[in-house]
Amino acid sequence: MKSQDILLLLKLVSLAGPEGTRMVEPEHDLNLSHHPEHRGSGVADRAATPTALSVNEPRAPWPPLAVDQYTVRSLAQATGISKSQVSLSLARCYEARLARLDHLTQLPQVNRRALCELLVHGVKYIFPAKLGARARGIPTAWAAPVLQGKILAGDTLPPVWPDADSSVVGFALEPIYKSVPQAVKQDSRLYAMLALLDSIRIGGARERGFASDLLTKMLEGKADV
């Protein structure tokens, strides 16, 4: 298990939506087995552009599943993980039973129960984190929008993922993977889940408990941002 696997799994959860399964757009051809990249990863490689989302933007009913978002190229673009590493990451997730190929669509499907167990109980030990020096960045953990107004932060500076384009000043927290700051700018659901994960990684008992409960509900489709 590598840290980019966590980012990729949470991106797949975000793509699938709160319920975890959606109808496939009928105009897409699901017979991807002929493509060379499909043999190792379960997905083909066709270009797609991820849709930018606002954290506070009202959401319409979840749209049909877009097959092109699951290609190696699209997953690489959406996460900042290289195409070769996306393929290797998928292979590790299949081996660890954290994901599988859906038997109908042949697209990667996350084992949400197993992922929840890993994130809530294991990641803080496998990928420990601590706050560093002051930096400009994207608020994370209890300072992120998903937890705003739900946890009292006090007067201390917020934890942030270092990002030169951000105007927020806080204490630097190295993200679970280096491309997280760019990946979350395209996906508010991914941002929320990764911020909750950071609250589990660095928070006290109260913060960990609250974040664990909310992240579990998101993975189970019982809560959304």
C-alpha atoms as a PDB file:
ATOM      1  CA  MET A   1       0.000   0.000   0.000  1.00  0.00           C
ATOM      2  CA  LYS A   2       1.319   3.437  -1.003  1.00  0.00           C
ATOM      3  CA  SER A   3      -0.047   6.858  -0.176  1.00  0.00           C
ATOM      4  CA  GLN A   4      -1.182   7.493  -3.765  1.00  0.00           C
ATOM      5  CA  ASP A   5      -3.451   4.438  -3.430  1.00  0.00           C
ATOM      6  CA  ILE A   6      -5.488   6.300  -0.804  1.00  0.00           C
ATOM      7  CA  LEU A   7      -5.878   9.316  -3.079  1.00  0.00           C
ATOM      8  CA  LEU A   8      -6.896   7.140  -6.021  1.00  0.00           C
ATOM      9  CA  LEU A   9      -9.420   5.120  -3.991  1.00  0.00           C
ATOM     10  CA  LEU A  10     -11.061   8.272  -2.646  1.00  0.00           C
ATOM     11  CA  LYS A  11     -11.199   9.728  -6.161  1.00  0.00           C
ATOM     12  CA  LEU A  12     -12.985   6.578  -7.330  1.00  0.00           C
ATOM     13  CA  VAL A  13     -15.439   6.943  -4.430  1.00  0.00           C
ATOM     14  CA  SER A  14     -16.060  10.551  -5.441  1.00  0.00           C
ATOM     15  CA  LEU A  15     -16.664   9.596  -9.074  1.00  0.00           C
ATOM     16  CA  ALA A  16     -19.174   6.920  -8.081  1.00  0.00           C
ATOM     17  CA  GLY A  17     -21.190   9.387  -5.997  1.00  0.00           C
ATOM     18  CA  PRO A  18     -22.848   8.928  -2.596  1.00  0.00           C
ATOM     19  CA  GLU A  19     -24.689   5.757  -3.514  1.00  0.00           C
ATOM     20  CA  GLY A  20     -21.658   3.994  -4.945  1.00  0.00           C
ATOM     21  CA  THR A  21     -23.390   2.768  -8.098  1.00  0.00           C
ATOM     22  CA  ARG A  22     -24.960   4.610 -11.012  1.00  0.00           C
ATOM     23  CA  MET A  23     -26.366   3.871 -14.437  1.00  0.00           C
ATOM     24  CA  VAL A  24     -23.869   3.927 -17.277  1.00  0.00           C
ATOM     25  CA  GLU A  25     -24.378   6.318 -20.148  1.00  0.00           C
ATOM     26  CA  PRO A  26     -25.690   4.060 -22.950  1.00  0.00           C
ATOM     27  CA  GLU A  27     -23.686   5.700 -25.741  1.00  0.00           C
ATOM     28  CA  HIS A  28     -20.406   4.522 -24.208  1.00  0.00           C
ATOM     29  CA  ASP A  29     -18.884   1.251 -25.317  1.00  0.00           C
ATOM     30  CA  LEU A  30     -18.076  -0.838 -22.239  1.00  0.00           C
ATOM     31  CA  ASN A  31     -16.082  -3.443 -24.144  1.00  0.00           C
ATOM     32  CA  LEU A  32     -12.668  -2.108 -23.125  1.00  0.00           C
ATOM     33  CA  SER A  33     -10.736  -5.358 -23.097  1.00  0.00           C
ATOM     34  CA  HIS A  34      -9.122  -4.688 -26.468  1.00  0.00           C
ATOM     35  CA  HIS A  35      -7.253  -1.654 -25.181  1.00  0.00           C
ATOM     36  CA  PRO A  36      -3.642  -2.304 -24.084  1.00  0.00           C
ATOM     37  CA  GLU A  37      -3.964  -0.251 -20.872  1.00  0.00           C
ATOM     38  CA  HIS A  38      -7.087  -2.150 -19.863  1.00  0.00           C
ATOM     39  CA  ARG A  39      -5.200  -5.413 -19.487  1.00  0.00           C
ATOM     40  CA  GLY A  40      -3.314  -4.201 -16.428  1.00  0.00           C
ATOM     41  CA  SER A  41      -5.738  -1.708 -14.931  1.00  0.00           C
ATOM     42  CA  GLY A  42      -9.294  -2.529 -15.911  1.00  0.00           C
ATOM     43  CA  VAL A  43      -9.790   0.768 -17.758  1.00  0.00           C
ATOM     44  CA  ALA A  44      -9.056   2.167 -21.201  1.00  0.00           C
ATOM     45  CA  ASP A  45      -7.340   5.449 -21.972  1.00  0.00           C
ATOM     46  CA  ARG A  46      -9.519   8.096 -23.566  1.00  0.00           C
ATOM     47  CA  ALA A  47      -9.124  11.797 -22.815  1.00  0.00           C
ATOM     48  CA  ALA A  48     -11.605  13.561 -20.533  1.00  0.00           C
ATOM     49  CA  THR A  49     -11.685  16.823 -18.609  1.00  0.00           C
ATOM     50  CA  PRO A  50     -12.719  16.674 -14.928  1.00  0.00           C
ATOM     51  CA  THR A  51     -15.492  19.048 -13.855  1.00  0.00           C
ATOM     52  CA  ALA A  52     -14.631  21.709 -11.290  1.00  0.00           C
ATOM     53  CA  LEU A  53     -16.908  21.743  -8.218  1.00  0.00           C
ATOM     54  CA  SER A  54     -17.463  24.286  -5.472  1.00  0.00           C
ATOM     55  CA  VAL A  55     -17.525  23.061  -1.878  1.00  0.00           C
ATOM     56  CA  ASN A  56     -20.695  25.032  -1.134  1.00  0.00           C
ATOM     57  CA  GLU A  57     -22.364  24.499  -4.500  1.00  0.00           C
ATOM     58  CA  PRO A  58     -25.867  22.921  -4.335  1.00  0.00           C
ATOM     59  CA  ARG A  59     -25.876  19.511  -5.986  1.00  0.00           C
ATOM     60  CA  ALA A  60     -28.379  18.203  -8.496  1.00  0.00           C
ATOM     61  CA  PRO A  61     -29.252  14.482  -8.543  1.00  0.00           C
ATOM     62  CA  TRP A  62     -26.115  12.493  -9.324  1.00  0.00           C
ATOM     63  CA  PRO A  63     -25.662  12.164 -13.122  1.00  0.00           C
ATOM     64  CA  PRO A  64     -25.125   8.935 -15.061  1.00  0.00           C
ATOM     65  CA  LEU A  65     -21.699   7.393 -14.718  1.00  0.00           C
ATOM     66  CA  ALA A  66     -19.270   8.754 -17.317  1.00  0.00           C
ATOM     67  CA  VAL A  67     -17.015   5.941 -18.453  1.00  0.00           C
ATOM     68  CA  ASP A  68     -14.375   8.339 -19.751  1.00  0.00           C
ATOM     69  CA  GLN A  69     -13.705   9.575 -16.210  1.00  0.00           C
ATOM     70  CA  TYR A  70     -12.394   6.119 -15.325  1.00  0.00           C
ATOM     71  CA  THR A  71      -9.692   5.881 -17.977  1.00  0.00           C
ATOM     72  CA  VAL A  72      -6.087   5.759 -16.867  1.00  0.00           C
ATOM     73  CA  ARG A  73      -5.489   9.104 -18.538  1.00  0.00           C
ATOM     74  CA  SER A  74      -8.480  10.778 -16.887  1.00  0.00           C
ATOM     75  CA  LEU A  75      -7.672   9.368 -13.454  1.00  0.00           C
ATOM     76  CA  ALA A  76      -4.106  10.616 -13.862  1.00  0.00           C
ATOM     77  CA  GLN A  77      -5.324  14.073 -14.831  1.00  0.00           C
ATOM     78  CA  ALA A  78      -7.812  14.201 -11.964  1.00  0.00           C
ATOM     79  CA  THR A  79      -5.398  13.042  -9.257  1.00  0.00           C
ATOM     80  CA  GLY A  80      -1.972  14.218 -10.415  1.00  0.00           C
ATOM     81  CA  ILE A  81      -0.709  10.627 -10.250  1.00  0.00           C
ATOM     82  CA  SER A  82       1.169   9.516 -13.363  1.00  0.00           C
ATOM     83  CA  LYS A  83      -0.537   7.078 -15.742  1.00  0.00           C
ATOM     84  CA  SER A  84       1.940   4.313 -14.971  1.00  0.00           C
ATOM     85  CA  GLN A  85       1.425   4.820 -11.227  1.00  0.00           C
ATOM     86  CA  VAL A  86      -2.366   4.809 -11.635  1.00  0.00           C
ATOM     87  CA  SER A  87      -2.133   1.363 -13.228  1.00  0.00           C
ATOM     88  CA  LEU A  88       0.188   0.070 -10.501  1.00  0.00           C
ATOM     89  CA  SER A  89      -2.014   1.585  -7.794  1.00  0.00           C
ATOM     90  CA  LEU A  90      -5.117  -0.108  -9.181  1.00  0.00           C
ATOM     91  CA  ALA A  91      -3.290  -3.426  -9.236  1.00  0.00           C
ATOM     92  CA  ARG A  92      -2.315  -3.031  -5.562  1.00  0.00           C
ATOM     93  CA  CYS A  93      -5.875  -2.119  -4.609  1.00  0.00           C
ATOM     94  CA  TYR A  94      -7.260  -5.181  -6.395  1.00  0.00           C
ATOM     95  CA  GLU A  95      -4.715  -7.410  -4.673  1.00  0.00           C
ATOM     96  CA  ALA A  96      -5.567  -5.926  -1.260  1.00  0.00           C
ATOM     97  CA  ARG A  97      -9.308  -6.322  -1.970  1.00  0.00           C
ATOM     98  CA  LEU A  98      -9.841  -2.618  -1.530  1.00  0.00           C
ATOM     99  CA  ALA A  99     -11.282  -2.499  -5.046  1.00  0.00           C
ATOM    100  CA  ARG A 100     -12.474  -4.834  -7.765  1.00  0.00           C
ATOM    101  CA  LEU A 101     -13.643  -4.712 -11.362  1.00  0.00           C
ATOM    102  CA  ASP A 102     -17.398  -4.410 -11.615  1.00  0.00           C
ATOM    103  CA  HIS A 103     -18.627  -7.505 -13.453  1.00  0.00           C
ATOM    104  CA  LEU A 104     -21.040  -5.494 -15.631  1.00  0.00           C
ATOM    105  CA  THR A 105     -19.069  -2.361 -16.482  1.00  0.00           C
ATOM    106  CA  GLN A 106     -15.528  -3.683 -16.014  1.00  0.00           C
ATOM    107  CA  LEU A 107     -14.748  -0.411 -14.227  1.00  0.00           C
ATOM    108  CA  PRO A 108     -12.986  -0.195 -10.846  1.00  0.00           C
ATOM    109  CA  GLN A 109     -15.343  -0.306  -7.877  1.00  0.00           C
ATOM    110  CA  VAL A 110     -14.141   0.478  -4.353  1.00  0.00           C
ATOM    111  CA  ASN A 111     -14.777  -1.863  -1.434  1.00  0.00           C
ATOM    112  CA  ARG A 112     -16.096   0.961   0.722  1.00  0.00           C
ATOM    113  CA  ARG A 113     -16.402  -1.042   3.922  1.00  0.00           C
ATOM    114  CA  ALA A 114     -12.784  -2.183   3.752  1.00  0.00           C
ATOM    115  CA  LEU A 115     -11.596   1.307   2.791  1.00  0.00           C
ATOM    116  CA  CYS A 116     -13.492   2.820   5.717  1.00  0.00           C
ATOM    117  CA  GLU A 117     -11.859   0.365   8.112  1.00  0.00           C
ATOM    118  CA  LEU A 118      -8.429   1.240   6.729  1.00  0.00           C
ATOM    119  CA  LEU A 119      -8.943   5.015   6.857  1.00  0.00           C
ATOM    120  CA  VAL A 120     -10.525   5.172  10.302  1.00  0.00           C
ATOM    121  CA  HIS A 121      -8.254   2.687  12.064  1.00  0.00           C
ATOM    122  CA  GLY A 122      -5.067   2.263  10.049  1.00  0.00           C
ATOM    123  CA  VAL A 123      -3.941   5.267   8.023  1.00  0.00           C
ATOM    124  CA  LYS A 124      -2.821   7.369  11.007  1.00  0.00           C
ATOM    125  CA  TYR A 125      -0.268   4.627  11.777  1.00  0.00           C
ATOM    126  CA  ILE A 126       0.741   3.794   8.209  1.00  0.00           C
ATOM    127  CA  PHE A 127       1.016   7.429   7.089  1.00  0.00           C
ATOM    128  CA  PRO A 128       1.550   9.503  10.258  1.00  0.00           C
ATOM    129  CA  ALA A 129       1.476  13.279  10.012  1.00  0.00           C
ATOM    130  CA  LYS A 130       2.526  16.322  12.004  1.00  0.00           C
ATOM    131  CA  LEU A 131       2.299  20.071  11.599  1.00  0.00           C
ATOM    132  CA  GLY A 132       5.286  21.980  10.307  1.00  0.00           C
ATOM    133  CA  ALA A 133       6.257  25.640   9.859  1.00  0.00           C
ATOM    134  CA  ARG A 134       4.003  28.487   8.786  1.00  0.00           C
ATOM    135  CA  ALA A 135       2.948  28.394   5.145  1.00  0.00           C
ATOM    136  CA  ARG A 136       0.277  29.530   2.730  1.00  0.00           C
ATOM    137  CA  GLY A 137      -2.017  26.753   1.726  1.00  0.00           C
ATOM    138  CA  ILE A 138      -5.408  25.054   1.501  1.00  0.00           C
ATOM    139  CA  PRO A 139      -7.141  24.531   4.867  1.00  0.00           C
ATOM    140  CA  THR A 140      -7.441  20.898   5.870  1.00  0.00           C
ATOM    141  CA  ALA A 141      -8.544  18.767   8.838  1.00  0.00           C
ATOM    142  CA  TRP A 142     -10.861  20.737  11.179  1.00  0.00           C
ATOM    143  CA  ALA A 143     -10.127  23.969   9.275  1.00  0.00           C
ATOM    144  CA  ALA A 144     -11.631  22.672   6.004  1.00  0.00           C
ATOM    145  CA  PRO A 145     -15.158  23.698   4.902  1.00  0.00           C
ATOM    146  CA  VAL A 146     -16.539  20.212   5.622  1.00  0.00           C
ATOM    147  CA  LEU A 147     -15.930  20.763   9.362  1.00  0.00           C
ATOM    148  CA  GLN A 148     -16.445  24.520   9.601  1.00  0.00           C
ATOM    149  CA  GLY A 149     -18.711  25.390  12.505  1.00  0.00           C
ATOM    150  CA  LYS A 150     -18.691  21.806  13.762  1.00  0.00           C
ATOM    151  CA  ILE A 151     -15.395  21.791  15.681  1.00  0.00           C
ATOM    152  CA  LEU A 152     -14.053  24.723  17.698  1.00  0.00           C
ATOM    153  CA  ALA A 153     -10.551  25.432  16.439  1.00  0.00           C
ATOM    154  CA  GLY A 154      -9.494  28.045  18.997  1.00  0.00           C
ATOM    155  CA  ASP A 155      -7.094  30.848  18.124  1.00  0.00           C
ATOM    156  CA  THR A 156      -4.360  28.717  16.601  1.00  0.00           C
ATOM    157  CA  LEU A 157      -3.482  28.905  12.929  1.00  0.00           C
ATOM    158  CA  PRO A 158      -5.190  26.262  10.784  1.00  0.00           C
ATOM    159  CA  PRO A 159      -3.463  23.219   9.303  1.00  0.00           C
ATOM    160  CA  VAL A 160      -2.939  23.749   5.559  1.00  0.00           C
ATOM    161  CA  TRP A 161      -1.624  21.837   2.590  1.00  0.00           C
ATOM    162  CA  PRO A 162       1.133  24.091   1.230  1.00  0.00           C
ATOM    163  CA  ASP A 163      -0.044  25.778  -1.963  1.00  0.00           C
ATOM    164  CA  ALA A 164       1.450  28.892  -3.501  1.00  0.00           C
ATOM    165  CA  ASP A 165      -1.884  30.018  -4.952  1.00  0.00           C
ATOM    166  CA  SER A 166      -3.676  30.081  -1.592  1.00  0.00           C
ATOM    167  CA  SER A 167      -3.999  33.179   0.596  1.00  0.00           C
ATOM    168  CA  VAL A 168      -4.665  31.246   3.828  1.00  0.00           C
ATOM    169  CA  VAL A 169      -1.778  31.210   6.316  1.00  0.00           C
ATOM    170  CA  GLY A 170      -1.443  28.254   8.645  1.00  0.00           C
ATOM    171  CA  PHE A 171       0.842  25.477   9.771  1.00  0.00           C
ATOM    172  CA  ALA A 172       1.995  23.244   6.938  1.00  0.00           C
ATOM    173  CA  LEU A 173       0.709  19.686   6.877  1.00  0.00           C
ATOM    174  CA  GLU A 174       2.154  17.339   4.279  1.00  0.00           C
ATOM    175  CA  PRO A 175      -0.821  15.824   2.415  1.00  0.00           C
ATOM    176  CA  ILE A 176      -1.303  12.084   2.075  1.00  0.00           C
ATOM    177  CA  TYR A 177       0.144  12.459  -1.452  1.00  0.00           C
ATOM    178  CA  LYS A 178       1.990  15.364  -3.038  1.00  0.00           C
ATOM    179  CA  SER A 179      -0.640  16.119  -5.713  1.00  0.00           C
ATOM    180  CA  VAL A 180      -3.554  16.456  -3.256  1.00  0.00           C
ATOM    181  CA  PRO A 181      -3.637  20.308  -3.347  1.00  0.00           C
ATOM    182  CA  GLN A 182      -4.202  20.289  -7.098  1.00  0.00           C
ATOM    183  CA  ALA A 183      -6.581  17.311  -7.085  1.00  0.00           C
ATOM    184  CA  VAL A 184      -8.982  18.832  -4.537  1.00  0.00           C
ATOM    185  CA  LYS A 185      -9.348  22.045  -6.538  1.00  0.00           C
ATOM    186  CA  GLN A 186     -11.286  20.016  -9.092  1.00  0.00           C
ATOM    187  CA  ASP A 187     -13.443  17.988  -6.697  1.00  0.00           C
ATOM    188  CA  SER A 188     -15.153  19.220  -3.523  1.00  0.00           C
ATOM    189  CA  ARG A 189     -16.183  15.715  -2.442  1.00  0.00           C
ATOM    190  CA  LEU A 190     -12.589  14.519  -2.675  1.00  0.00           C
ATOM    191  CA  TYR A 191     -11.501  17.610  -0.720  1.00  0.00           C
ATOM    192  CA  ALA A 192     -13.963  16.838   2.060  1.00  0.00           C
ATOM    193  CA  MET A 193     -12.902  13.200   2.417  1.00  0.00           C
ATOM    194  CA  LEU A 194      -9.181  13.998   2.421  1.00  0.00           C
ATOM    195  CA  ALA A 195      -9.668  16.795   4.962  1.00  0.00           C
ATOM    196  CA  LEU A 196     -11.609  14.436   7.236  1.00  0.00           C
ATOM    197  CA  LEU A 197      -8.813  11.899   6.856  1.00  0.00           C
ATOM    198  CA  ASP A 198      -6.298  14.532   7.969  1.00  0.00           C
ATOM    199  CA  SER A 199      -8.405  15.264  11.030  1.00  0.00           C
ATOM    200  CA  ILE A 200      -8.129  11.569  11.876  1.00  0.00           C
ATOM    201  CA  ARG A 201      -4.365  11.632  11.240  1.00  0.00           C
ATOM    202  CA  ILE A 202      -3.527  14.642  13.418  1.00  0.00           C
ATOM    203  CA  GLY A 203      -6.565  15.431  15.574  1.00  0.00           C
ATOM    204  CA  GLY A 204      -7.212  14.744  19.225  1.00  0.00           C
ATOM    205  CA  ALA A 205      -9.772  12.196  20.391  1.00  0.00           C
ATOM    206  CA  ARG A 206     -12.750  14.526  19.843  1.00  0.00           C
ATOM    207  CA  GLU A 207     -11.642  15.604  16.368  1.00  0.00           C
ATOM    208  CA  ARG A 208     -10.837  12.039  15.350  1.00  0.00           C
ATOM    209  CA  GLY A 209     -14.194  10.786  16.559  1.00  0.00           C
ATOM    210  CA  PHE A 210     -16.195  13.446  14.758  1.00  0.00           C
ATOM    211  CA  ALA A 211     -14.194  13.101  11.531  1.00  0.00           C
ATOM    212  CA  SER A 212     -14.358   9.292  11.639  1.00  0.00           C
ATOM    213  CA  ASP A 213     -18.125   9.375  11.991  1.00  0.00           C
ATOM    214  CA  LEU A 214     -18.624  11.828   9.135  1.00  0.00           C
ATOM    215  CA  LEU A 215     -16.154  10.079   6.822  1.00  0.00           C
ATOM    216  CA  THR A 216     -17.861   6.753   7.523  1.00  0.00           C
ATOM    217  CA  LYS A 217     -21.229   8.271   6.630  1.00  0.00           C
ATOM    218  CA  MET A 218     -19.823   9.689   3.398  1.00  0.00           C
ATOM    219  CA  LEU A 219     -18.365   6.336   2.389  1.00  0.00           C
ATOM    220  CA  GLU A 220     -21.671   4.631   3.244  1.00  0.00           C
ATOM    221  CA  GLY A 221     -23.630   7.172   1.195  1.00  0.00           C
ATOM    222  CA  LYS A 222     -25.417   8.548   4.272  1.00  0.00           C
ATOM    223  CA  ALA A 223     -23.862  12.030   4.071  1.00  0.00           C
ATOM    224  CA  ASP A 224     -22.503  14.272   1.362  1.00  0.00           C
ATOM    225  CA  VAL A 225     -20.964  17.719   0.956  1.00  0.00           C
END
